[in-house]
PDB file of N, CA and C in Angstrom:
ATOM      1  N   GLN A   1      20.715  -9.502   3.539  1.00  0.00           N
ATOM      2  CA  GLN A   1      19.223  -9.042   3.403  1.00  0.00           C
ATOM      3  C   GLN A   1      18.899  -7.624   3.538  1.00  0.00           C
ATOM      4  N   VAL A   2      17.940  -7.144   2.718  1.00  0.00           N
ATOM      5  CA  VAL A   2      17.670  -5.771   2.854  1.00  0.00           C
ATOM      6  C   VAL A   2      16.852  -5.656   4.280  1.00  0.00           C
ATOM      7  N   GLN A   3      17.192  -4.365   4.917  1.00  0.00           N
ATOM      8  CA  GLN A   3      16.499  -3.958   6.095  1.00  0.00           C
ATOM      9  C   GLN A   3      15.812  -2.615   5.889  1.00  0.00           C
ATOM     10  N   LEU A   4      14.614  -2.621   6.486  1.00  0.00           N
ATOM     11  CA  LEU A   4      13.701  -1.504   6.531  1.00  0.00           C
ATOM     12  C   LEU A   4      13.822  -0.873   7.664  1.00  0.00           C
ATOM     13  N   VAL A   5      13.595   0.757   7.601  1.00  0.00           N
ATOM     14  CA  VAL A   5      13.880   1.369   9.047  1.00  0.00           C
ATOM     15  C   VAL A   5      12.821   2.735   8.869  1.00  0.00           C
ATOM     16  N   GLU A   6      11.663   2.651   9.788  1.00  0.00           N
ATOM     17  CA  GLU A   6      11.042   3.413   9.689  1.00  0.00           C
ATOM     18  C   GLU A   6      11.056   4.688  10.564  1.00  0.00           C
ATOM     19  N   SER A   7      10.734   5.949   9.934  1.00  0.00           N
ATOM     20  CA  SER A   7      10.918   7.164  10.818  1.00  0.00           C
ATOM     21  C   SER A   7       9.786   8.189  10.697  1.00  0.00           C
ATOM     22  N   GLY A   8       9.594   8.954  11.624  1.00  0.00           N
ATOM     23  CA  GLY A   8       8.649  10.081  11.346  1.00  0.00           C
ATOM     24  C   GLY A   8       7.619  10.032  12.239  1.00  0.00           C
ATOM     25  N   GLY A   9       7.682   8.983  13.102  1.00  0.00           N
ATOM     26  CA  GLY A   9       6.039   8.723  13.787  1.00  0.00           C
ATOM     27  C   GLY A   9       6.333   9.829  15.092  1.00  0.00           C
ATOM     28  N   GLY A  10       5.666   9.703  15.923  1.00  0.00           N
ATOM     29  CA  GLY A  10       5.333  10.318  17.227  1.00  0.00           C
ATOM     30  C   GLY A  10       3.957  10.806  17.451  1.00  0.00           C
ATOM     31  N   LEU A  11       3.602  11.980  18.337  1.00  0.00           N
ATOM     32  CA  LEU A  11       2.360  12.355  19.078  1.00  0.00           C
ATOM     33  C   LEU A  11       1.930  13.281  17.794  1.00  0.00           C
ATOM     34  N   VAL A  12       0.751  13.258  17.509  1.00  0.00           N
ATOM     35  CA  VAL A  12       0.034  14.620  16.926  1.00  0.00           C
ATOM     36  C   VAL A  12      -1.191  14.819  17.302  1.00  0.00           C
ATOM     37  N   GLN A  13      -1.733  16.012  17.376  1.00  0.00           N
ATOM     38  CA  GLN A  13      -3.272  16.312  17.624  1.00  0.00           C
ATOM     39  C   GLN A  13      -4.190  16.012  16.410  1.00  0.00           C
ATOM     40  N   PRO A  14      -5.291  15.735  17.006  1.00  0.00           N
ATOM     41  CA  PRO A  14      -6.301  15.229  15.952  1.00  0.00           C
ATOM     42  C   PRO A  14      -6.422  16.313  14.896  1.00  0.00           C
ATOM     43  N   GLY A  15      -6.540  16.119  13.548  1.00  0.00           N
ATOM     44  CA  GLY A  15      -6.487  17.020  12.470  1.00  0.00           C
ATOM     45  C   GLY A  15      -5.348  17.326  11.961  1.00  0.00           C
ATOM     46  N   GLY A  16      -4.174  16.964  12.774  1.00  0.00           N
ATOM     47  CA  GLY A  16      -2.784  17.109  12.160  1.00  0.00           C
ATOM     48  C   GLY A  16      -2.489  16.153  11.200  1.00  0.00           C
ATOM     49  N   SER A  17      -0.932  16.322  10.857  1.00  0.00           N
ATOM     50  CA  SER A  17      -0.362  15.561   9.750  1.00  0.00           C
ATOM     51  C   SER A  17       0.944  15.132  10.242  1.00  0.00           C
ATOM     52  N   LEU A  18       1.132  13.991   9.641  1.00  0.00           N
ATOM     53  CA  LEU A  18       2.573  13.384  10.046  1.00  0.00           C
ATOM     54  C   LEU A  18       3.123  12.763   8.619  1.00  0.00           C
ATOM     55  N   ARG A  19       4.377  12.824   8.473  1.00  0.00           N
ATOM     56  CA  ARG A  19       4.920  11.818   7.088  1.00  0.00           C
ATOM     57  C   ARG A  19       5.916  10.934   7.745  1.00  0.00           C
ATOM     58  N   LEU A  20       5.549   9.614   7.503  1.00  0.00           N
ATOM     59  CA  LEU A  20       6.197   8.609   7.691  1.00  0.00           C
ATOM     60  C   LEU A  20       7.255   8.355   6.758  1.00  0.00           C
ATOM     61  N   SER A  21       8.576   8.012   6.875  1.00  0.00           N
ATOM     62  CA  SER A  21       9.546   7.402   6.132  1.00  0.00           C
ATOM     63  C   SER A  21       9.829   5.866   6.293  1.00  0.00           C
ATOM     64  N   CYS A  22      10.243   5.177   5.147  1.00  0.00           N
ATOM     65  CA  CYS A  22      10.541   3.714   5.159  1.00  0.00           C
ATOM     66  C   CYS A  22      12.078   3.585   4.462  1.00  0.00           C
ATOM     67  N   THR A  23      13.089   3.842   5.031  1.00  0.00           N
ATOM     68  CA  THR A  23      14.615   3.456   4.348  1.00  0.00           C
ATOM     69  C   THR A  23      14.979   2.267   4.246  1.00  0.00           C
ATOM     70  N   ALA A  24      15.499   1.964   3.040  1.00  0.00           N
ATOM     71  CA  ALA A  24      15.996   0.451   2.758  1.00  0.00           C
ATOM     72  C   ALA A  24      17.644   0.570   2.770  1.00  0.00           C
ATOM     73  N   SER A  25      18.154  -0.693   3.433  1.00  0.00           N
ATOM     74  CA  SER A  25      19.363  -0.775   3.445  1.00  0.00           C
ATOM     75  C   SER A  25      20.065  -0.747   2.125  1.00  0.00           C
ATOM     76  N   GLU A  26      19.404  -0.923   0.900  1.00  0.00           N
ATOM     77  CA  GLU A  26      20.143  -1.279  -0.313  1.00  0.00           C
ATOM     78  C   GLU A  26      19.088  -0.698  -1.387  1.00  0.00           C
ATOM     79  N   SER A  27      19.492  -0.686  -2.585  1.00  0.00           N
ATOM     80  CA  SER A  27      18.586  -0.281  -3.699  1.00  0.00           C
ATOM     81  C   SER A  27      17.208  -0.780  -3.894  1.00  0.00           C
ATOM     82  N   ILE A  28      15.971  -0.381  -3.871  1.00  0.00           N
ATOM     83  CA  ILE A  28      14.942  -0.664  -4.103  1.00  0.00           C
ATOM     84  C   ILE A  28      14.485  -0.584  -5.434  1.00  0.00           C
ATOM     85  N   GLN A  29      15.378  -0.214  -6.389  1.00  0.00           N
ATOM     86  CA  GLN A  29      14.889   0.032  -7.757  1.00  0.00           C
ATOM     87  C   GLN A  29      13.969  -1.407  -8.204  1.00  0.00           C
ATOM     88  N   SER A  30      14.707  -2.425  -7.739  1.00  0.00           N
ATOM     89  CA  SER A  30      13.965  -3.706  -8.276  1.00  0.00           C
ATOM     90  C   SER A  30      12.997  -4.394  -7.723  1.00  0.00           C
ATOM     91  N   VAL A  31      12.556  -3.476  -6.622  1.00  0.00           N
ATOM     92  CA  VAL A  31      11.492  -4.178  -5.788  1.00  0.00           C
ATOM     93  C   VAL A  31      10.025  -3.780  -6.442  1.00  0.00           C
ATOM     94  N   TYR A  32       9.141  -4.587  -6.784  1.00  0.00           N
ATOM     95  CA  TYR A  32       8.200  -4.532  -7.361  1.00  0.00           C
ATOM     96  C   TYR A  32       7.145  -3.672  -6.664  1.00  0.00           C
ATOM     97  N   GLU A  33       7.073  -4.060  -5.444  1.00  0.00           N
ATOM     98  CA  GLU A  33       6.006  -3.413  -4.343  1.00  0.00           C
ATOM     99  C   GLU A  33       6.366  -3.384  -3.174  1.00  0.00           C
ATOM    100  N   ILE A  34       5.971  -2.155  -2.630  1.00  0.00           N
ATOM    101  CA  ILE A  34       6.591  -1.709  -1.065  1.00  0.00           C
ATOM    102  C   ILE A  34       4.946  -1.416  -0.563  1.00  0.00           C
ATOM    103  N   ASP A  35       4.617  -1.810   0.753  1.00  0.00           N
ATOM    104  CA  ASP A  35       3.285  -1.469   1.452  1.00  0.00           C
ATOM    105  C   ASP A  35       3.518  -1.052   2.735  1.00  0.00           C
ATOM    106  N   TRP A  36       2.692  -0.186   3.124  1.00  0.00           N
ATOM    107  CA  TRP A  36       2.494   0.225   4.400  1.00  0.00           C
ATOM    108  C   TRP A  36       1.139  -0.586   5.055  1.00  0.00           C
ATOM    109  N   PHE A  37       1.461  -1.187   6.508  1.00  0.00           N
ATOM    110  CA  PHE A  37       0.416  -1.799   7.313  1.00  0.00           C
ATOM    111  C   PHE A  37       0.432  -0.730   8.411  1.00  0.00           C
ATOM    112  N   ARG A  38      -0.300  -1.309   9.364  1.00  0.00           N
ATOM    113  CA  ARG A  38      -0.686  -0.461  10.758  1.00  0.00           C
ATOM    114  C   ARG A  38      -1.444  -1.841  11.368  1.00  0.00           C
ATOM    115  N   GLN A  39      -1.011  -1.995  12.773  1.00  0.00           N
ATOM    116  CA  GLN A  39      -1.663  -2.828  13.642  1.00  0.00           C
ATOM    117  C   GLN A  39      -1.803  -2.284  15.079  1.00  0.00           C
ATOM    118  N   ALA A  40      -2.847  -1.987  15.546  1.00  0.00           N
ATOM    119  CA  ALA A  40      -3.328  -1.403  16.718  1.00  0.00           C
ATOM    120  C   ALA A  40      -3.474  -2.527  17.549  1.00  0.00           C
ATOM    121  N   PRO A  41      -3.240  -2.175  19.097  1.00  0.00           N
ATOM    122  CA  PRO A  41      -3.267  -3.348  20.078  1.00  0.00           C
ATOM    123  C   PRO A  41      -4.401  -4.367  19.914  1.00  0.00           C
ATOM    124  N   GLY A  42      -4.099  -5.630  19.836  1.00  0.00           N
ATOM    125  CA  GLY A  42      -5.329  -6.448  20.110  1.00  0.00           C
ATOM    126  C   GLY A  42      -5.798  -6.642  18.455  1.00  0.00           C
ATOM    127  N   GLU A  43      -5.371  -5.937  17.704  1.00  0.00           N
ATOM    128  CA  GLU A  43      -6.184  -5.902  16.091  1.00  0.00           C
ATOM    129  C   GLU A  43      -5.287  -6.516  15.450  1.00  0.00           C
ATOM    130  N   GLN A  44      -5.769  -6.940  14.051  1.00  0.00           N
ATOM    131  CA  GLN A  44      -5.174  -7.670  13.052  1.00  0.00           C
ATOM    132  C   GLN A  44      -4.172  -6.364  12.070  1.00  0.00           C
ATOM    133  N   TYR A  45      -3.490  -6.922  11.389  1.00  0.00           N
ATOM    134  CA  TYR A  45      -2.878  -6.049  10.559  1.00  0.00           C
ATOM    135  C   TYR A  45      -3.796  -5.411   9.477  1.00  0.00           C
ATOM    136  N   GLU A  46      -3.773  -3.971   9.102  1.00  0.00           N
ATOM    137  CA  GLU A  46      -4.447  -3.350   8.033  1.00  0.00           C
ATOM    138  C   GLU A  46      -3.553  -3.023   7.240  1.00  0.00           C
ATOM    139  N   LEU A  47      -3.869  -3.261   5.946  1.00  0.00           N
ATOM    140  CA  LEU A  47      -3.018  -3.126   4.642  1.00  0.00           C
ATOM    141  C   LEU A  47      -3.768  -1.434   4.403  1.00  0.00           C
ATOM    142  N   LEU A  48      -2.403  -0.363   4.421  1.00  0.00           N
ATOM    143  CA  LEU A  48      -3.008   0.838   4.201  1.00  0.00           C
ATOM    144  C   LEU A  48      -2.882   1.313   2.973  1.00  0.00           C
ATOM    145  N   ALA A  49      -1.641   0.880   2.322  1.00  0.00           N
ATOM    146  CA  ALA A  49      -1.245   1.547   1.051  1.00  0.00           C
ATOM    147  C   ALA A  49      -0.074   0.606   0.319  1.00  0.00           C
ATOM    148  N   VAL A  50      -0.241   0.727  -0.967  1.00  0.00           N
ATOM    149  CA  VAL A  50       0.725  -0.019  -2.047  1.00  0.00           C
ATOM    150  C   VAL A  50       1.188   0.946  -3.191  1.00  0.00           C
ATOM    151  N   ILE A  51       2.561   0.681  -3.427  1.00  0.00           N
ATOM    152  CA  ILE A  51       3.075   1.188  -4.285  1.00  0.00           C
ATOM    153  C   ILE A  51       4.279   0.362  -5.195  1.00  0.00           C
ATOM    154  N   THR A  52       4.007   0.595  -6.228  1.00  0.00           N
ATOM    155  CA  THR A  52       4.833  -0.492  -7.449  1.00  0.00           C
ATOM    156  C   THR A  52       5.868   0.579  -7.980  1.00  0.00           C
ATOM    157  N   SER A  53       6.550  -0.255  -8.576  1.00  0.00           N
ATOM    158  CA  SER A  53       7.921   0.290  -9.438  1.00  0.00           C
ATOM    159  C   SER A  53       7.624   1.132 -10.162  1.00  0.00           C
ATOM    160  N   ASP A  54       6.395   1.485 -10.754  1.00  0.00           N
ATOM    161  CA  ASP A  54       6.075   2.354 -11.919  1.00  0.00           C
ATOM    162  C   ASP A  54       5.525   3.518 -10.972  1.00  0.00           C
ATOM    163  N   HIS A  55       5.353   3.224  -9.874  1.00  0.00           N
ATOM    164  CA  HIS A  55       4.771   4.726  -8.763  1.00  0.00           C
ATOM    165  C   HIS A  55       3.345   4.655  -8.901  1.00  0.00           C
ATOM    166  N   THR A  56       2.963   3.504  -9.385  1.00  0.00           N
ATOM    167  CA  THR A  56       1.025   3.299  -9.277  1.00  0.00           C
ATOM    168  C   THR A  56       0.987   3.114  -7.850  1.00  0.00           C
ATOM    169  N   ALA A  57      -0.096   3.948  -7.415  1.00  0.00           N
ATOM    170  CA  ALA A  57      -0.258   3.711  -6.121  1.00  0.00           C
ATOM    171  C   ALA A  57      -1.782   3.215  -5.567  1.00  0.00           C
ATOM    172  N   LYS A  58      -2.102   2.532  -4.599  1.00  0.00           N
ATOM    173  CA  LYS A  58      -3.419   2.137  -4.081  1.00  0.00           C
ATOM    174  C   LYS A  58      -3.487   2.250  -2.526  1.00  0.00           C
ATOM    175  N   TYR A  59      -4.840   2.260  -2.469  1.00  0.00           N
ATOM    176  CA  TYR A  59      -5.155   2.546  -0.839  1.00  0.00           C
ATOM    177  C   TYR A  59      -6.497   1.916  -0.022  1.00  0.00           C
ATOM    178  N   GLY A  60      -6.171   1.422   1.020  1.00  0.00           N
ATOM    179  CA  GLY A  60      -7.277   0.932   1.674  1.00  0.00           C
ATOM    180  C   GLY A  60      -8.231   2.036   1.891  1.00  0.00           C
ATOM    181  N   GLU A  61      -9.438   1.712   2.105  1.00  0.00           N
ATOM    182  CA  GLU A  61     -10.731   2.365   2.158  1.00  0.00           C
ATOM    183  C   GLU A  61     -10.409   3.399   3.254  1.00  0.00           C
ATOM    184  N   SER A  62     -10.346   2.804   4.223  1.00  0.00           N
ATOM    185  CA  SER A  62     -10.221   3.852   5.825  1.00  0.00           C
ATOM    186  C   SER A  62      -9.174   4.828   5.816  1.00  0.00           C
ATOM    187  N   VAL A  63      -8.221   5.030   4.648  1.00  0.00           N
ATOM    188  CA  VAL A  63      -7.456   5.901   4.365  1.00  0.00           C
ATOM    189  C   VAL A  63      -7.413   6.899   3.170  1.00  0.00           C
ATOM    190  N   LYS A  64      -8.201   6.341   2.062  1.00  0.00           N
ATOM    191  CA  LYS A  64      -8.384   7.056   1.112  1.00  0.00           C
ATOM    192  C   LYS A  64      -8.725   8.444   1.027  1.00  0.00           C
ATOM    193  N   GLY A  65      -7.524   9.185   0.450  1.00  0.00           N
ATOM    194  CA  GLY A  65      -8.073  10.542   0.409  1.00  0.00           C
ATOM    195  C   GLY A  65      -7.555  11.563   1.546  1.00  0.00           C
ATOM    196  N   ARG A  66      -7.057  10.847   2.453  1.00  0.00           N
ATOM    197  CA  ARG A  66      -6.460  11.195   3.714  1.00  0.00           C
ATOM    198  C   ARG A  66      -4.612  11.039   3.513  1.00  0.00           C
ATOM    199  N   PHE A  67      -4.327   9.768   3.038  1.00  0.00           N
ATOM    200  CA  PHE A  67      -2.963   9.334   3.082  1.00  0.00           C
ATOM    201  C   PHE A  67      -2.698   9.294   1.619  1.00  0.00           C
ATOM    202  N   THR A  68      -1.439   9.560   1.456  1.00  0.00           N
ATOM    203  CA  THR A  68      -0.533   9.586   0.041  1.00  0.00           C
ATOM    204  C   THR A  68       0.870   8.604   0.099  1.00  0.00           C
ATOM    205  N   ILE A  69       0.935   7.853  -0.421  1.00  0.00           N
ATOM    206  CA  ILE A  69       2.216   6.922  -0.470  1.00  0.00           C
ATOM    207  C   ILE A  69       3.100   7.207  -1.855  1.00  0.00           C
ATOM    208  N   SER A  70       4.332   7.415  -1.401  1.00  0.00           N
ATOM    209  CA  SER A  70       5.082   7.384  -2.574  1.00  0.00           C
ATOM    210  C   SER A  70       6.547   7.126  -2.371  1.00  0.00           C
ATOM    211  N   ARG A  71       7.449   6.818  -3.510  1.00  0.00           N
ATOM    212  CA  ARG A  71       8.763   6.291  -3.433  1.00  0.00           C
ATOM    213  C   ARG A  71       9.759   7.232  -4.115  1.00  0.00           C
ATOM    214  N   ASP A  72      11.077   7.220  -3.457  1.00  0.00           N
ATOM    215  CA  ASP A  72      12.072   7.928  -3.997  1.00  0.00           C
ATOM    216  C   ASP A  72      12.971   6.927  -4.172  1.00  0.00           C
ATOM    217  N   ASP A  73      13.191   6.444  -5.451  1.00  0.00           N
ATOM    218  CA  ASP A  73      14.292   5.330  -5.495  1.00  0.00           C
ATOM    219  C   ASP A  73      15.663   5.849  -5.312  1.00  0.00           C
ATOM    220  N   HIS A  74      16.124   6.984  -5.842  1.00  0.00           N
ATOM    221  CA  HIS A  74      17.519   7.560  -5.430  1.00  0.00           C
ATOM    222  C   HIS A  74      17.708   7.523  -4.142  1.00  0.00           C
ATOM    223  N   LYS A  75      16.953   7.820  -3.205  1.00  0.00           N
ATOM    224  CA  LYS A  75      17.074   7.710  -1.762  1.00  0.00           C
ATOM    225  C   LYS A  75      16.725   6.323  -0.997  1.00  0.00           C
ATOM    226  N   ASN A  76      16.352   5.501  -1.980  1.00  0.00           N
ATOM    227  CA  ASN A  76      15.837   3.866  -1.226  1.00  0.00           C
ATOM    228  C   ASN A  76      14.915   4.162  -0.240  1.00  0.00           C
ATOM    229  N   THR A  77      13.845   5.138  -0.740  1.00  0.00           N
ATOM    230  CA  THR A  77      13.057   5.285   0.816  1.00  0.00           C
ATOM    231  C   THR A  77      11.525   5.627   0.166  1.00  0.00           C
ATOM    232  N   VAL A  78      10.436   5.151   0.910  1.00  0.00           N
ATOM    233  CA  VAL A  78       9.175   4.852   0.380  1.00  0.00           C
ATOM    234  C   VAL A  78       8.734   6.121   1.663  1.00  0.00           C
ATOM    235  N   TYR A  79       7.663   6.684   1.237  1.00  0.00           N
ATOM    236  CA  TYR A  79       6.732   7.815   2.134  1.00  0.00           C
ATOM    237  C   TYR A  79       5.724   7.449   2.477  1.00  0.00           C
ATOM    238  N   LEU A  80       4.802   7.982   3.623  1.00  0.00           N
ATOM    239  CA  LEU A  80       3.482   7.714   3.818  1.00  0.00           C
ATOM    240  C   LEU A  80       3.355   9.337   4.415  1.00  0.00           C
ATOM    241  N   GLN A  81       2.497  10.126   3.469  1.00  0.00           N
ATOM    242  CA  GLN A  81       2.020  11.154   4.287  1.00  0.00           C
ATOM    243  C   GLN A  81       0.870  11.189   4.612  1.00  0.00           C
ATOM    244  N   MET A  82       0.202  11.430   6.067  1.00  0.00           N
ATOM    245  CA  MET A  82      -0.571  11.138   6.658  1.00  0.00           C
ATOM    246  C   MET A  82      -1.577  12.667   7.196  1.00  0.00           C
ATOM    247  N   ASN A  83      -2.791  12.840   6.519  1.00  0.00           N
ATOM    248  CA  ASN A  83      -3.044  13.934   6.972  1.00  0.00           C
ATOM    249  C   ASN A  83      -4.710  14.009   7.460  1.00  0.00           C
ATOM    250  N   SER A  84      -5.265  14.936   8.252  1.00  0.00           N
ATOM    251  CA  SER A  84      -6.573  14.741   8.719  1.00  0.00           C
ATOM    252  C   SER A  84      -6.506  13.835   9.756  1.00  0.00           C
ATOM    253  N   LEU A  85      -5.123  13.498  10.670  1.00  0.00           N
ATOM    254  CA  LEU A  85      -5.490  12.227  11.558  1.00  0.00           C
ATOM    255  C   LEU A  85      -6.387  12.282  12.468  1.00  0.00           C
ATOM    256  N   GLU A  86      -6.956  11.081  12.881  1.00  0.00           N
ATOM    257  CA  GLU A  86      -7.925  11.175  14.097  1.00  0.00           C
ATOM    258  C   GLU A  86      -7.367   9.998  14.956  1.00  0.00           C
ATOM    259  N   PRO A  87      -7.907  10.055  16.249  1.00  0.00           N
ATOM    260  CA  PRO A  87      -7.481   9.418  17.416  1.00  0.00           C
ATOM    261  C   PRO A  87      -7.623   7.731  16.863  1.00  0.00           C
ATOM    262  N   GLU A  88      -8.373   7.514  15.938  1.00  0.00           N
ATOM    263  CA  GLU A  88      -8.555   6.048  15.467  1.00  0.00           C
ATOM    264  C   GLU A  88      -7.295   5.684  14.626  1.00  0.00           C
ATOM    265  N   ASP A  89      -6.553   6.692  14.004  1.00  0.00           N
ATOM    266  CA  ASP A  89      -5.382   6.253  13.397  1.00  0.00           C
ATOM    267  C   ASP A  89      -4.294   5.741  14.191  1.00  0.00           C
ATOM    268  N   THR A  90      -4.551   6.012  15.574  1.00  0.00           N
ATOM    269  CA  THR A  90      -3.170   5.436  16.833  1.00  0.00           C
ATOM    270  C   THR A  90      -3.030   4.197  16.584  1.00  0.00           C
ATOM    271  N   SER A  91      -1.581   3.874  16.101  1.00  0.00           N
ATOM    272  CA  SER A  91      -1.501   2.282  16.072  1.00  0.00           C
ATOM    273  C   SER A  91       0.068   2.223  15.546  1.00  0.00           C
ATOM    274  N   VAL A  92       0.694   1.153  15.670  1.00  0.00           N
ATOM    275  CA  VAL A  92       1.882   0.987  15.037  1.00  0.00           C
ATOM    276  C   VAL A  92       2.174   1.033  13.437  1.00  0.00           C
ATOM    277  N   TYR A  93       2.779   1.373  12.555  1.00  0.00           N
ATOM    278  CA  TYR A  93       3.064   1.468  11.277  1.00  0.00           C
ATOM    279  C   TYR A  93       4.314   0.756  10.958  1.00  0.00           C
ATOM    280  N   TYR A  94       4.000   0.031   9.777  1.00  0.00           N
ATOM    281  CA  TYR A  94       4.811  -0.814   9.470  1.00  0.00           C
ATOM    282  C   TYR A  94       5.367  -0.809   7.856  1.00  0.00           C
ATOM    283  N   CYS A  95       6.505  -0.688   7.218  1.00  0.00           N
ATOM    284  CA  CYS A  95       6.513  -0.742   5.977  1.00  0.00           C
ATOM    285  C   CYS A  95       6.915  -2.323   5.791  1.00  0.00           C
ATOM    286  N   TYR A  96       6.800  -2.800   4.189  1.00  0.00           N
ATOM    287  CA  TYR A  96       6.881  -4.238   4.132  1.00  0.00           C
ATOM    288  C   TYR A  96       7.077  -4.511   2.817  1.00  0.00           C
ATOM    289  N   ILE A  97       7.988  -5.632   2.313  1.00  0.00           N
ATOM    290  CA  ILE A  97       8.323  -6.023   1.149  1.00  0.00           C
ATOM    291  C   ILE A  97       8.057  -7.593   1.032  1.00  0.00           C
ATOM    292  N   GLY A  98       7.346  -8.053   0.206  1.00  0.00           N
ATOM    293  CA  GLY A  98       6.913  -9.491   0.109  1.00  0.00           C
ATOM    294  C   GLY A  98       7.997 -10.282  -0.740  1.00  0.00           C
ATOM    295  N   ARG A  99       8.658  -9.687  -1.731  1.00  0.00           N
ATOM    296  CA  ARG A  99       9.414 -10.613  -2.624  1.00  0.00           C
ATOM    297  C   ARG A  99      10.617  -9.769  -3.246  1.00  0.00           C
ATOM    298  N   PRO A 100      11.787 -10.462  -3.197  1.00  0.00           N
ATOM    299  CA  PRO A 100      12.250 -11.868  -3.344  1.00  0.00           C
ATOM    300  C   PRO A 100      11.977 -12.457  -1.755  1.00  0.00           C
ATOM    301  N   PHE A 101      11.964 -11.675  -0.842  1.00  0.00           N
ATOM    302  CA  PHE A 101      12.373 -12.040   0.601  1.00  0.00           C
ATOM    303  C   PHE A 101      11.446 -11.397   1.346  1.00  0.00           C
ATOM    304  N   GLU A 102      10.577 -11.907   2.351  1.00  0.00           N
ATOM    305  CA  GLU A 102       9.683 -10.919   3.407  1.00  0.00           C
ATOM    306  C   GLU A 102      10.422 -10.187   4.138  1.00  0.00           C
ATOM    307  N   VAL A 103      10.182  -8.919   4.438  1.00  0.00           N
ATOM    308  CA  VAL A 103      10.949  -8.252   5.104  1.00  0.00           C
ATOM    309  C   VAL A 103       9.795  -7.086   5.556  1.00  0.00           C
ATOM    310  N   TRP A 104      10.130  -7.021   7.103  1.00  0.00           N
ATOM    311  CA  TRP A 104       9.120  -6.099   7.720  1.00  0.00           C
ATOM    312  C   TRP A 104       9.954  -4.709   8.578  1.00  0.00           C
ATOM    313  N   GLY A 105       9.706  -3.587   8.237  1.00  0.00           N
ATOM    314  CA  GLY A 105      10.214  -2.873   9.376  1.00  0.00           C
ATOM    315  C   GLY A 105      10.459  -3.135  10.618  1.00  0.00           C
ATOM    316  N   GLN A 106      10.698  -2.302  11.420  1.00  0.00           N
ATOM    317  CA  GLN A 106      10.745  -2.569  12.794  1.00  0.00           C
ATOM    318  C   GLN A 106       9.106  -2.099  13.760  1.00  0.00           C
ATOM    319  N   GLY A 107       8.626  -1.279  12.628  1.00  0.00           N
ATOM    320  CA  GLY A 107       7.314  -0.798  13.473  1.00  0.00           C
ATOM    321  C   GLY A 107       7.728   0.597  14.190  1.00  0.00           C
ATOM    322  N   ILE A 108       6.554   1.825  13.837  1.00  0.00           N
ATOM    323  CA  ILE A 108       7.038   2.865  14.601  1.00  0.00           C
ATOM    324  C   ILE A 108       5.528   3.390  15.010  1.00  0.00           C
ATOM    325  N   GLN A 109       5.734   4.029  16.213  1.00  0.00           N
ATOM    326  CA  GLN A 109       4.241   4.493  17.017  1.00  0.00           C
ATOM    327  C   GLN A 109       3.550   5.658  16.519  1.00  0.00           C
ATOM    328  N   VAL A 110       2.522   5.701  16.098  1.00  0.00           N
ATOM    329  CA  VAL A 110       1.740   6.980  15.851  1.00  0.00           C
ATOM    330  C   VAL A 110       0.495   7.078  16.872  1.00  0.00           C
ATOM    331  N   THR A 111       0.595   8.341  17.484  1.00  0.00           N
ATOM    332  CA  THR A 111      -0.451   8.629  18.600  1.00  0.00           C
ATOM    333  C   THR A 111      -1.077   9.708  18.197  1.00  0.00           C
ATOM    334  N   VAL A 112      -2.540   9.855  18.129  1.00  0.00           N
ATOM    335  CA  VAL A 112      -3.089  10.804  17.817  1.00  0.00           C
ATOM    336  C   VAL A 112      -4.057  11.270  18.981  1.00  0.00           C
ATOM    337  N   SER A 113      -3.670  12.535  19.713  1.00  0.00           N
ATOM    338  CA  SER A 113      -4.328  12.572  20.812  1.00  0.00           C
ATOM    339  C   SER A 113      -4.082  14.050  21.054  1.00  0.00           C
ATOM    340  N   THR A 114      -5.171  14.514  21.902  1.00  0.00           N
ATOM    341  CA  THR A 114      -5.233  15.886  22.542  1.00  0.00           C
ATOM    342  C   THR A 114      -4.364  15.697  23.863  1.00  0.00           C
TER     343      THR A 114
END
């Protein structure tokens, strides 16, 4: 079964940027859609961004214009570039594949604070 590993999180000041990576253990060439979610403590999962195999991207309203999703199929990696970060963006971030099997990354902490 494919495994997903997120990296690139950590602490950043308000207004700063981070780039998250989601690296798969095998080829993602045939994966139609890969998503980024986040979940803050006590809150529901929030869908942030979606990218399909033809590199078409869609975004949730709360991050549109600030976040950019991309994928590099040769590196088996999906990225989430996050700009203009605010304290409200503090959360655990996950990448996700829904088909043919449901797979979640382990989650990675992003903290936006002075």
